[in-house]
Amino acid sequence: EIADLVDSLYSDIITAGTYKASCIKVAEAAKVIENT
């Protein structure tokens, strides 16, 4: 439920769209490997 809420919050300003990860750890890992 909170994931949906966070996604809706950012959708208000992000015109490029959002990608809702399955959990917080997945989102954390995705970011750190982008720069790696």
PDB file of all heavy atoms in Angstrom:
ATOM      1  N   GLU A   1       0.827  -1.207   0.000  1.00  0.00           N
ATOM      2  CA  GLU A   1       0.000   0.000   0.000  1.00  0.00           C
ATOM      3  C   GLU A   1       0.863   1.259   0.000  1.00  0.00           C
ATOM      4  O   GLU A   1       0.574   2.235  -0.711  1.00  0.00           O
ATOM      5  CB  GLU A   1      -0.932   0.015   1.214  1.00  0.00           C
ATOM      6  CG  GLU A   1      -1.983  -1.097   1.246  1.00  0.00           C
ATOM      7  CD  GLU A   1      -1.404  -2.456   1.640  1.00  0.00           C
ATOM      8  OE1 GLU A   1      -0.311  -2.487   2.272  1.00  0.00           O
ATOM      9  OE2 GLU A   1      -2.043  -3.485   1.311  1.00  0.00           O
ATOM     10  N   ILE A   2       1.930   1.234   0.777  1.00  0.00           N
ATOM     11  CA  ILE A   2       2.844   2.380   0.831  1.00  0.00           C
ATOM     12  C   ILE A   2       3.585   2.534  -0.499  1.00  0.00           C
ATOM     13  O   ILE A   2       3.830   3.649  -0.965  1.00  0.00           O
ATOM     14  CB  ILE A   2       3.828   2.247   2.003  1.00  0.00           C
ATOM     15  CG1 ILE A   2       3.081   2.309   3.334  1.00  0.00           C
ATOM     16  CG2 ILE A   2       4.898   3.318   1.943  1.00  0.00           C
ATOM     17  CD1 ILE A   2       2.308   3.602   3.552  1.00  0.00           C
ATOM     18  N   ALA A   3       3.925   1.421  -1.128  1.00  0.00           N
ATOM     19  CA  ALA A   3       4.570   1.475  -2.442  1.00  0.00           C
ATOM     20  C   ALA A   3       3.687   2.198  -3.448  1.00  0.00           C
ATOM     21  O   ALA A   3       4.161   3.024  -4.234  1.00  0.00           O
ATOM     22  CB  ALA A   3       4.892   0.062  -2.922  1.00  0.00           C
ATOM     23  N   ASP A   4       2.409   1.905  -3.416  1.00  0.00           N
ATOM     24  CA  ASP A   4       1.458   2.597  -4.301  1.00  0.00           C
ATOM     25  C   ASP A   4       1.400   4.086  -3.978  1.00  0.00           C
ATOM     26  O   ASP A   4       1.337   4.933  -4.881  1.00  0.00           O
ATOM     27  CB  ASP A   4       0.061   1.993  -4.163  1.00  0.00           C
ATOM     28  CG  ASP A   4      -0.047   0.590  -4.738  1.00  0.00           C
ATOM     29  OD1 ASP A   4       0.816   0.217  -5.558  1.00  0.00           O
ATOM     30  OD2 ASP A   4      -0.999  -0.133  -4.355  1.00  0.00           O
ATOM     31  N   LEU A   5       1.435   4.408  -2.706  1.00  0.00           N
ATOM     32  CA  LEU A   5       1.356   5.795  -2.258  1.00  0.00           C
ATOM     33  C   LEU A   5       2.590   6.585  -2.704  1.00  0.00           C
ATOM     34  O   LEU A   5       2.473   7.701  -3.214  1.00  0.00           O
ATOM     35  CB  LEU A   5       1.210   5.831  -0.730  1.00  0.00           C
ATOM     36  CG  LEU A   5       0.678   7.109  -0.086  1.00  0.00           C
ATOM     37  CD1 LEU A   5      -0.700   7.458  -0.628  1.00  0.00           C
ATOM     38  CD2 LEU A   5       0.630   6.936   1.441  1.00  0.00           C
ATOM     39  N   VAL A   6       3.770   5.991  -2.503  1.00  0.00           N
ATOM     40  CA  VAL A   6       5.020   6.646  -2.913  1.00  0.00           C
ATOM     41  C   VAL A   6       5.045   6.847  -4.426  1.00  0.00           C
ATOM     42  O   VAL A   6       5.427   7.910  -4.931  1.00  0.00           O
ATOM     43  CB  VAL A   6       6.245   5.824  -2.457  1.00  0.00           C
ATOM     44  CG1 VAL A   6       7.538   6.409  -3.034  1.00  0.00           C
ATOM     45  CG2 VAL A   6       6.321   5.768  -0.939  1.00  0.00           C
ATOM     46  N   ASP A   7       4.602   5.832  -5.154  1.00  0.00           N
ATOM     47  CA  ASP A   7       4.573   5.924  -6.610  1.00  0.00           C
ATOM     48  C   ASP A   7       3.636   7.036  -7.080  1.00  0.00           C
ATOM     49  O   ASP A   7       3.970   7.795  -7.992  1.00  0.00           O
ATOM     50  CB  ASP A   7       4.146   4.576  -7.199  1.00  0.00           C
ATOM     51  CG  ASP A   7       4.425   4.470  -8.689  1.00  0.00           C
ATOM     52  OD1 ASP A   7       5.612   4.341  -9.060  1.00  0.00           O
ATOM     53  OD2 ASP A   7       3.461   4.534  -9.472  1.00  0.00           O
ATOM     54  N   SER A   8       2.492   7.150  -6.442  1.00  0.00           N
ATOM     55  CA  SER A   8       1.531   8.198  -6.794  1.00  0.00           C
ATOM     56  C   SER A   8       2.091   9.581  -6.499  1.00  0.00           C
ATOM     57  O   SER A   8       1.884  10.529  -7.255  1.00  0.00           O
ATOM     58  CB  SER A   8       0.220   8.003  -6.028  1.00  0.00           C
ATOM     59  OG  SER A   8      -0.396   6.783  -6.357  1.00  0.00           O
ATOM     60  N   LEU A   9       2.819   9.702  -5.379  1.00  0.00           N
ATOM     61  CA  LEU A   9       3.407  10.982  -4.993  1.00  0.00           C
ATOM     62  C   LEU A   9       4.373  11.479  -6.062  1.00  0.00           C
ATOM     63  O   LEU A   9       4.281  12.630  -6.515  1.00  0.00           O
ATOM     64  CB  LEU A   9       4.139  10.828  -3.651  1.00  0.00           C
ATOM     65  CG  LEU A   9       4.925  12.052  -3.161  1.00  0.00           C
ATOM     66  CD1 LEU A   9       3.995  13.216  -2.873  1.00  0.00           C
ATOM     67  CD2 LEU A   9       5.770  11.693  -1.934  1.00  0.00           C
ATOM     68  N   TYR A  10       5.283  10.631  -6.477  1.00  0.00           N
ATOM     69  CA  TYR A  10       6.262  11.045  -7.481  1.00  0.00           C
ATOM     70  C   TYR A  10       5.647  11.199  -8.868  1.00  0.00           C
ATOM     71  O   TYR A  10       6.124  12.003  -9.677  1.00  0.00           O
ATOM     72  CB  TYR A  10       7.426  10.054  -7.517  1.00  0.00           C
ATOM     73  CG  TYR A  10       8.404  10.243  -6.388  1.00  0.00           C
ATOM     74  CD1 TYR A  10       8.419   9.370  -5.304  1.00  0.00           C
ATOM     75  CD2 TYR A  10       9.321  11.292  -6.401  1.00  0.00           C
ATOM     76  CE1 TYR A  10       9.322   9.530  -4.261  1.00  0.00           C
ATOM     77  CE2 TYR A  10      10.229  11.467  -5.363  1.00  0.00           C
ATOM     78  CZ  TYR A  10      10.225  10.588  -4.296  1.00  0.00           C
ATOM     79  OH  TYR A  10      11.123  10.758  -3.260  1.00  0.00           O
ATOM     80  N   SER A  11       4.610  10.446  -9.134  1.00  0.00           N
ATOM     81  CA  SER A  11       3.944  10.559 -10.439  1.00  0.00           C
ATOM     82  C   SER A  11       3.384  11.954 -10.680  1.00  0.00           C
ATOM     83  O   SER A  11       3.178  12.353 -11.831  1.00  0.00           O
ATOM     84  CB  SER A  11       2.825   9.525 -10.561  1.00  0.00           C
ATOM     85  OG  SER A  11       3.341   8.205 -10.579  1.00  0.00           O
ATOM     86  N   ASP A  12       3.167  12.699  -9.609  1.00  0.00           N
ATOM     87  CA  ASP A  12       2.665  14.066  -9.742  1.00  0.00           C
ATOM     88  C   ASP A  12       3.654  15.000 -10.428  1.00  0.00           C
ATOM     89  O   ASP A  12       3.254  15.989 -11.038  1.00  0.00           O
ATOM     90  CB  ASP A  12       2.327  14.644  -8.356  1.00  0.00           C
ATOM     91  CG  ASP A  12       0.902  14.372  -7.941  1.00  0.00           C
ATOM     92  OD1 ASP A  12       0.137  13.801  -8.744  1.00  0.00           O
ATOM     93  OD2 ASP A  12       0.540  14.753  -6.803  1.00  0.00           O
ATOM     94  N   ILE A  13       4.956  14.699 -10.310  1.00  0.00           N
ATOM     95  CA  ILE A  13       5.956  15.618 -10.862  1.00  0.00           C
ATOM     96  C   ILE A  13       6.840  14.993 -11.942  1.00  0.00           C
ATOM     97  O   ILE A  13       7.473  15.722 -12.710  1.00  0.00           O
ATOM     98  CB  ILE A  13       6.871  16.193  -9.755  1.00  0.00           C
ATOM     99  CG1 ILE A  13       7.655  15.082  -9.058  1.00  0.00           C
ATOM    100  CG2 ILE A  13       6.054  17.005  -8.748  1.00  0.00           C
ATOM    101  CD1 ILE A  13       8.777  15.593  -8.165  1.00  0.00           C
ATOM    102  N   ILE A  14       6.910  13.674 -12.005  1.00  0.00           N
ATOM    103  CA  ILE A  14       7.819  13.015 -12.952  1.00  0.00           C
ATOM    104  C   ILE A  14       7.082  12.731 -14.259  1.00  0.00           C
ATOM    105  O   ILE A  14       6.305  11.778 -14.359  1.00  0.00           O
ATOM    106  CB  ILE A  14       8.403  11.714 -12.370  1.00  0.00           C
ATOM    107  CG1 ILE A  14       9.067  11.973 -11.017  1.00  0.00           C
ATOM    108  CG2 ILE A  14       9.388  11.094 -13.354  1.00  0.00           C
ATOM    109  CD1 ILE A  14      10.249  12.896 -11.070  1.00  0.00           C
ATOM    110  N   THR A  15       7.338  13.543 -15.268  1.00  0.00           N
ATOM    111  CA  THR A  15       6.643  13.370 -16.549  1.00  0.00           C
ATOM    112  C   THR A  15       7.149  12.150 -17.313  1.00  0.00           C
ATOM    113  O   THR A  15       6.451  11.613 -18.160  1.00  0.00           O
ATOM    114  CB  THR A  15       6.814  14.629 -17.419  1.00  0.00           C
ATOM    115  OG1 THR A  15       8.222  14.896 -17.605  1.00  0.00           O
ATOM    116  CG2 THR A  15       6.183  15.844 -16.753  1.00  0.00           C
ATOM    117  N   ALA A  16       8.376  11.704 -17.022  1.00  0.00           N
ATOM    118  CA  ALA A  16       8.945  10.544 -17.716  1.00  0.00           C
ATOM    119  C   ALA A  16       8.346   9.232 -17.231  1.00  0.00           C
ATOM    120  O   ALA A  16       8.573   8.179 -17.833  1.00  0.00           O
ATOM    121  CB  ALA A  16      10.466  10.515 -17.534  1.00  0.00           C
ATOM    122  N   GLY A  17       7.593   9.283 -16.135  1.00  0.00           N
ATOM    123  CA  GLY A  17       6.974   8.089 -15.593  1.00  0.00           C
ATOM    124  C   GLY A  17       7.775   7.492 -14.441  1.00  0.00           C
ATOM    125  O   GLY A  17       8.872   7.935 -14.115  1.00  0.00           O
ATOM    126  N   THR A  18       7.227   6.476 -13.819  1.00  0.00           N
ATOM    127  CA  THR A  18       7.860   5.820 -12.673  1.00  0.00           C
ATOM    128  C   THR A  18       7.979   4.321 -12.910  1.00  0.00           C
ATOM    129  O   THR A  18       7.313   3.759 -13.772  1.00  0.00           O
ATOM    130  CB  THR A  18       7.045   6.057 -11.382  1.00  0.00           C
ATOM    131  OG1 THR A  18       5.712   5.540 -11.574  1.00  0.00           O
ATOM    132  CG2 THR A  18       6.971   7.539 -11.047  1.00  0.00           C
ATOM    133  N   TYR A  19       8.850   3.693 -12.136  1.00  0.00           N
ATOM    134  CA  TYR A  19       8.983   2.247 -12.139  1.00  0.00           C
ATOM    135  C   TYR A  19       8.879   1.778 -10.706  1.00  0.00           C
ATOM    136  O   TYR A  19       9.760   2.076  -9.890  1.00  0.00           O
ATOM    137  CB  TYR A  19      10.324   1.808 -12.744  1.00  0.00           C
ATOM    138  CG  TYR A  19      10.491   0.297 -12.780  1.00  0.00           C
ATOM    139  CD1 TYR A  19      10.141  -0.424 -13.904  1.00  0.00           C
ATOM    140  CD2 TYR A  19      10.974  -0.396 -11.672  1.00  0.00           C
ATOM    141  CE1 TYR A  19      10.275  -1.802 -13.936  1.00  0.00           C
ATOM    142  CE2 TYR A  19      11.103  -1.771 -11.687  1.00  0.00           C
ATOM    143  CZ  TYR A  19      10.746  -2.467 -12.817  1.00  0.00           C
ATOM    144  OH  TYR A  19      10.863  -3.845 -12.845  1.00  0.00           O
ATOM    145  N   LYS A  20       7.830   1.055 -10.366  1.00  0.00           N
ATOM    146  CA  LYS A  20       7.595   0.619  -8.996  1.00  0.00           C
ATOM    147  C   LYS A  20       8.306  -0.712  -8.755  1.00  0.00           C
ATOM    148  O   LYS A  20       7.941  -1.731  -9.334  1.00  0.00           O
ATOM    149  CB  LYS A  20       6.096   0.506  -8.711  1.00  0.00           C
ATOM    150  CG  LYS A  20       5.765   0.218  -7.252  1.00  0.00           C
ATOM    151  CD  LYS A  20       4.288   0.414  -6.959  1.00  0.00           C
ATOM    152  CE  LYS A  20       3.415  -0.505  -7.797  1.00  0.00           C
ATOM    153  NZ  LYS A  20       1.989  -0.428  -7.454  1.00  0.00           N
ATOM    154  N   ALA A  21       9.347  -0.679  -7.925  1.00  0.00           N
ATOM    155  CA  ALA A  21      10.090  -1.889  -7.579  1.00  0.00           C
ATOM    156  C   ALA A  21       9.298  -2.734  -6.594  1.00  0.00           C
ATOM    157  O   ALA A  21       8.427  -2.231  -5.874  1.00  0.00           O
ATOM    158  CB  ALA A  21      11.452  -1.522  -6.995  1.00  0.00           C
ATOM    159  N   SER A  22       9.641  -4.010  -6.529  1.00  0.00           N
ATOM    160  CA  SER A  22       8.872  -4.934  -5.699  1.00  0.00           C
ATOM    161  C   SER A  22       9.079  -4.701  -4.210  1.00  0.00           C
ATOM    162  O   SER A  22       8.226  -5.024  -3.396  1.00  0.00           O
ATOM    163  CB  SER A  22       9.241  -6.383  -6.056  1.00  0.00           C
ATOM    164  OG  SER A  22      10.632  -6.613  -5.836  1.00  0.00           O
ATOM    165  N   CYS A  23      10.242  -4.155  -3.837  1.00  0.00           N
ATOM    166  CA  CYS A  23      10.518  -3.876  -2.431  1.00  0.00           C
ATOM    167  C   CYS A  23      11.637  -2.840  -2.337  1.00  0.00           C
ATOM    168  O   CYS A  23      12.293  -2.521  -3.336  1.00  0.00           O
ATOM    169  CB  CYS A  23      10.887  -5.146  -1.672  1.00  0.00           C
ATOM    170  SG  CYS A  23      12.427  -5.913  -2.231  1.00  0.00           S
ATOM    171  N   ILE A  24      11.887  -2.346  -1.140  1.00  0.00           N
ATOM    172  CA  ILE A  24      12.897  -1.315  -0.931  1.00  0.00           C
ATOM    173  C   ILE A  24      14.292  -1.820  -1.292  1.00  0.00           C
ATOM    174  O   ILE A  24      15.076  -1.100  -1.934  1.00  0.00           O
ATOM    175  CB  ILE A  24      12.845  -0.809   0.525  1.00  0.00           C
ATOM    176  CG1 ILE A  24      11.594   0.063   0.729  1.00  0.00           C
ATOM    177  CG2 ILE A  24      14.106  -0.023   0.887  1.00  0.00           C
ATOM    178  CD1 ILE A  24      11.373   0.532   2.156  1.00  0.00           C
ATOM    179  N   LYS A  25      14.641  -3.040  -0.916  1.00  0.00           N
ATOM    180  CA  LYS A  25      15.985  -3.563  -1.196  1.00  0.00           C
ATOM    181  C   LYS A  25      16.262  -3.633  -2.694  1.00  0.00           C
ATOM    182  O   LYS A  25      17.395  -3.379  -3.133  1.00  0.00           O
ATOM    183  CB  LYS A  25      16.169  -4.930  -0.547  1.00  0.00           C
ATOM    184  CG  LYS A  25      16.368  -4.879   0.964  1.00  0.00           C
ATOM    185  CD  LYS A  25      16.635  -6.263   1.530  1.00  0.00           C
ATOM    186  CE  LYS A  25      16.840  -6.196   3.051  1.00  0.00           C
ATOM    187  NZ  LYS A  25      17.046  -7.509   3.652  1.00  0.00           N
ATOM    188  N   VAL A  26      15.263  -4.003  -3.480  1.00  0.00           N
ATOM    189  CA  VAL A  26      15.431  -4.051  -4.937  1.00  0.00           C
ATOM    190  C   VAL A  26      15.723  -2.651  -5.479  1.00  0.00           C
ATOM    191  O   VAL A  26      16.601  -2.460  -6.319  1.00  0.00           O
ATOM    192  CB  VAL A  26      14.187  -4.664  -5.619  1.00  0.00           C
ATOM    193  CG1 VAL A  26      14.222  -4.420  -7.131  1.00  0.00           C
ATOM    194  CG2 VAL A  26      14.102  -6.151  -5.331  1.00  0.00           C
ATOM    195  N   ALA A  27      14.984  -1.661  -4.982  1.00  0.00           N
ATOM    196  CA  ALA A  27      15.196  -0.281  -5.423  1.00  0.00           C
ATOM    197  C   ALA A  27      16.587   0.208  -5.024  1.00  0.00           C
ATOM    198  O   ALA A  27      17.267   0.883  -5.804  1.00  0.00           O
ATOM    199  CB  ALA A  27      14.122   0.629  -4.832  1.00  0.00           C
ATOM    200  N   GLU A  28      17.025  -0.116  -3.805  1.00  0.00           N
ATOM    201  CA  GLU A  28      18.369   0.266  -3.358  1.00  0.00           C
ATOM    202  C   GLU A  28      19.434  -0.373  -4.236  1.00  0.00           C
ATOM    203  O   GLU A  28      20.408   0.281  -4.644  1.00  0.00           O
ATOM    204  CB  GLU A  28      18.580  -0.143  -1.897  1.00  0.00           C
ATOM    205  CG  GLU A  28      17.724   0.616  -0.898  1.00  0.00           C
ATOM    206  CD  GLU A  28      17.757  -0.003   0.493  1.00  0.00           C
ATOM    207  OE1 GLU A  28      17.837  -1.261   0.595  1.00  0.00           O
ATOM    208  OE2 GLU A  28      17.701   0.747   1.485  1.00  0.00           O
ATOM    209  N   ALA A  29      19.263  -1.658  -4.526  1.00  0.00           N
ATOM    210  CA  ALA A  29      20.240  -2.381  -5.332  1.00  0.00           C
ATOM    211  C   ALA A  29      20.288  -1.847  -6.758  1.00  0.00           C
ATOM    212  O   ALA A  29      21.364  -1.728  -7.356  1.00  0.00           O
ATOM    213  CB  ALA A  29      19.919  -3.873  -5.332  1.00  0.00           C
ATOM    214  N   ALA A  30      19.130  -1.520  -7.313  1.00  0.00           N
ATOM    215  CA  ALA A  30      19.068  -1.007  -8.684  1.00  0.00           C
ATOM    216  C   ALA A  30      19.879   0.278  -8.818  1.00  0.00           C
ATOM    217  O   ALA A  30      20.614   0.474  -9.785  1.00  0.00           O
ATOM    218  CB  ALA A  30      17.612  -0.764  -9.094  1.00  0.00           C
ATOM    219  N   LYS A  31      19.738   1.160  -7.843  1.00  0.00           N
ATOM    220  CA  LYS A  31      20.467   2.424  -7.889  1.00  0.00           C
ATOM    221  C   LYS A  31      21.967   2.215  -7.796  1.00  0.00           C
ATOM    222  O   LYS A  31      22.737   2.785  -8.575  1.00  0.00           O
ATOM    223  CB  LYS A  31      19.996   3.344  -6.760  1.00  0.00           C
ATOM    224  CG  LYS A  31      20.860   4.585  -6.541  1.00  0.00           C
ATOM    225  CD  LYS A  31      20.962   5.453  -7.798  1.00  0.00           C
ATOM    226  CE  LYS A  31      21.889   6.636  -7.550  1.00  0.00           C
ATOM    227  NZ  LYS A  31      22.054   7.469  -8.739  1.00  0.00           N
ATOM    228  N   VAL A  32      22.411   1.400  -6.867  1.00  0.00           N
ATOM    229  CA  VAL A  32      23.846   1.259  -6.649  1.00  0.00           C
ATOM    230  C   VAL A  32      24.523   0.567  -7.831  1.00  0.00           C
ATOM    231  O   VAL A  32      25.687   0.858  -8.144  1.00  0.00           O
ATOM    232  CB  VAL A  32      24.131   0.551  -5.307  1.00  0.00           C
ATOM    233  CG1 VAL A  32      23.965  -0.948  -5.398  1.00  0.00           C
ATOM    234  CG2 VAL A  32      25.514   0.920  -4.775  1.00  0.00           C
ATOM    235  N   ILE A  33      23.812  -0.304  -8.551  1.00  0.00           N
ATOM    236  CA  ILE A  33      24.453  -0.932  -9.710  1.00  0.00           C
ATOM    237  C   ILE A  33      24.432  -0.023 -10.934  1.00  0.00           C
ATOM    238  O   ILE A  33      25.249  -0.201 -11.845  1.00  0.00           O
ATOM    239  CB  ILE A  33      23.856  -2.315 -10.053  1.00  0.00           C
ATOM    240  CG1 ILE A  33      22.448  -2.198 -10.643  1.00  0.00           C
ATOM    241  CG2 ILE A  33      23.903  -3.253  -8.856  1.00  0.00           C
ATOM    242  CD1 ILE A  33      22.024  -3.466 -11.381  1.00  0.00           C
ATOM    243  N   GLU A  34      23.529   0.956 -10.990  1.00  0.00           N
ATOM    244  CA  GLU A  34      23.569   1.922 -12.094  1.00  0.00           C
ATOM    245  C   GLU A  34      24.931   2.604 -12.145  1.00  0.00           C
ATOM    246  O   GLU A  34      25.570   2.675 -13.200  1.00  0.00           O
ATOM    247  CB  GLU A  34      22.480   2.978 -11.929  1.00  0.00           C
ATOM    248  CG  GLU A  34      21.068   2.503 -12.166  1.00  0.00           C
ATOM    249  CD  GLU A  34      20.055   3.595 -11.865  1.00  0.00           C
ATOM    250  OE1 GLU A  34      20.451   4.775 -11.729  1.00  0.00           O
ATOM    251  OE2 GLU A  34      18.859   3.271 -11.765  1.00  0.00           O
ATOM    252  N   ASN A  35      25.365   3.122 -11.014  1.00  0.00           N
ATOM    253  CA  ASN A  35      26.641   3.832 -10.973  1.00  0.00           C
ATOM    254  C   ASN A  35      27.831   2.877 -11.038  1.00  0.00           C
ATOM    255  O   ASN A  35      28.889   3.238 -11.548  1.00  0.00           O
ATOM    256  CB  ASN A  35      26.712   4.705  -9.725  1.00  0.00           C
ATOM    257  CG  ASN A  35      25.745   5.872  -9.801  1.00  0.00           C
ATOM    258  OD1 ASN A  35      25.356   6.310 -10.884  1.00  0.00           O
ATOM    259  ND2 ASN A  35      25.337   6.387  -8.657  1.00  0.00           N
ATOM    260  N   THR A  36      27.667   1.663 -10.524  1.00  0.00           N
ATOM    261  CA  THR A  36      28.730   0.665 -10.630  1.00  0.00           C
ATOM    262  C   THR A  36      28.983   0.302 -12.088  1.00  0.00           C
ATOM    263  O   THR A  36      30.133   0.184 -12.522  1.00  0.00           O
ATOM    264  CB  THR A  36      28.368  -0.590  -9.817  1.00  0.00           C
ATOM    265  OG1 THR A  36      28.198  -0.231  -8.436  1.00  0.00           O
ATOM    266  CG2 THR A  36      29.446  -1.652  -9.933  1.00  0.00           C
TER     267      THR A  36
END
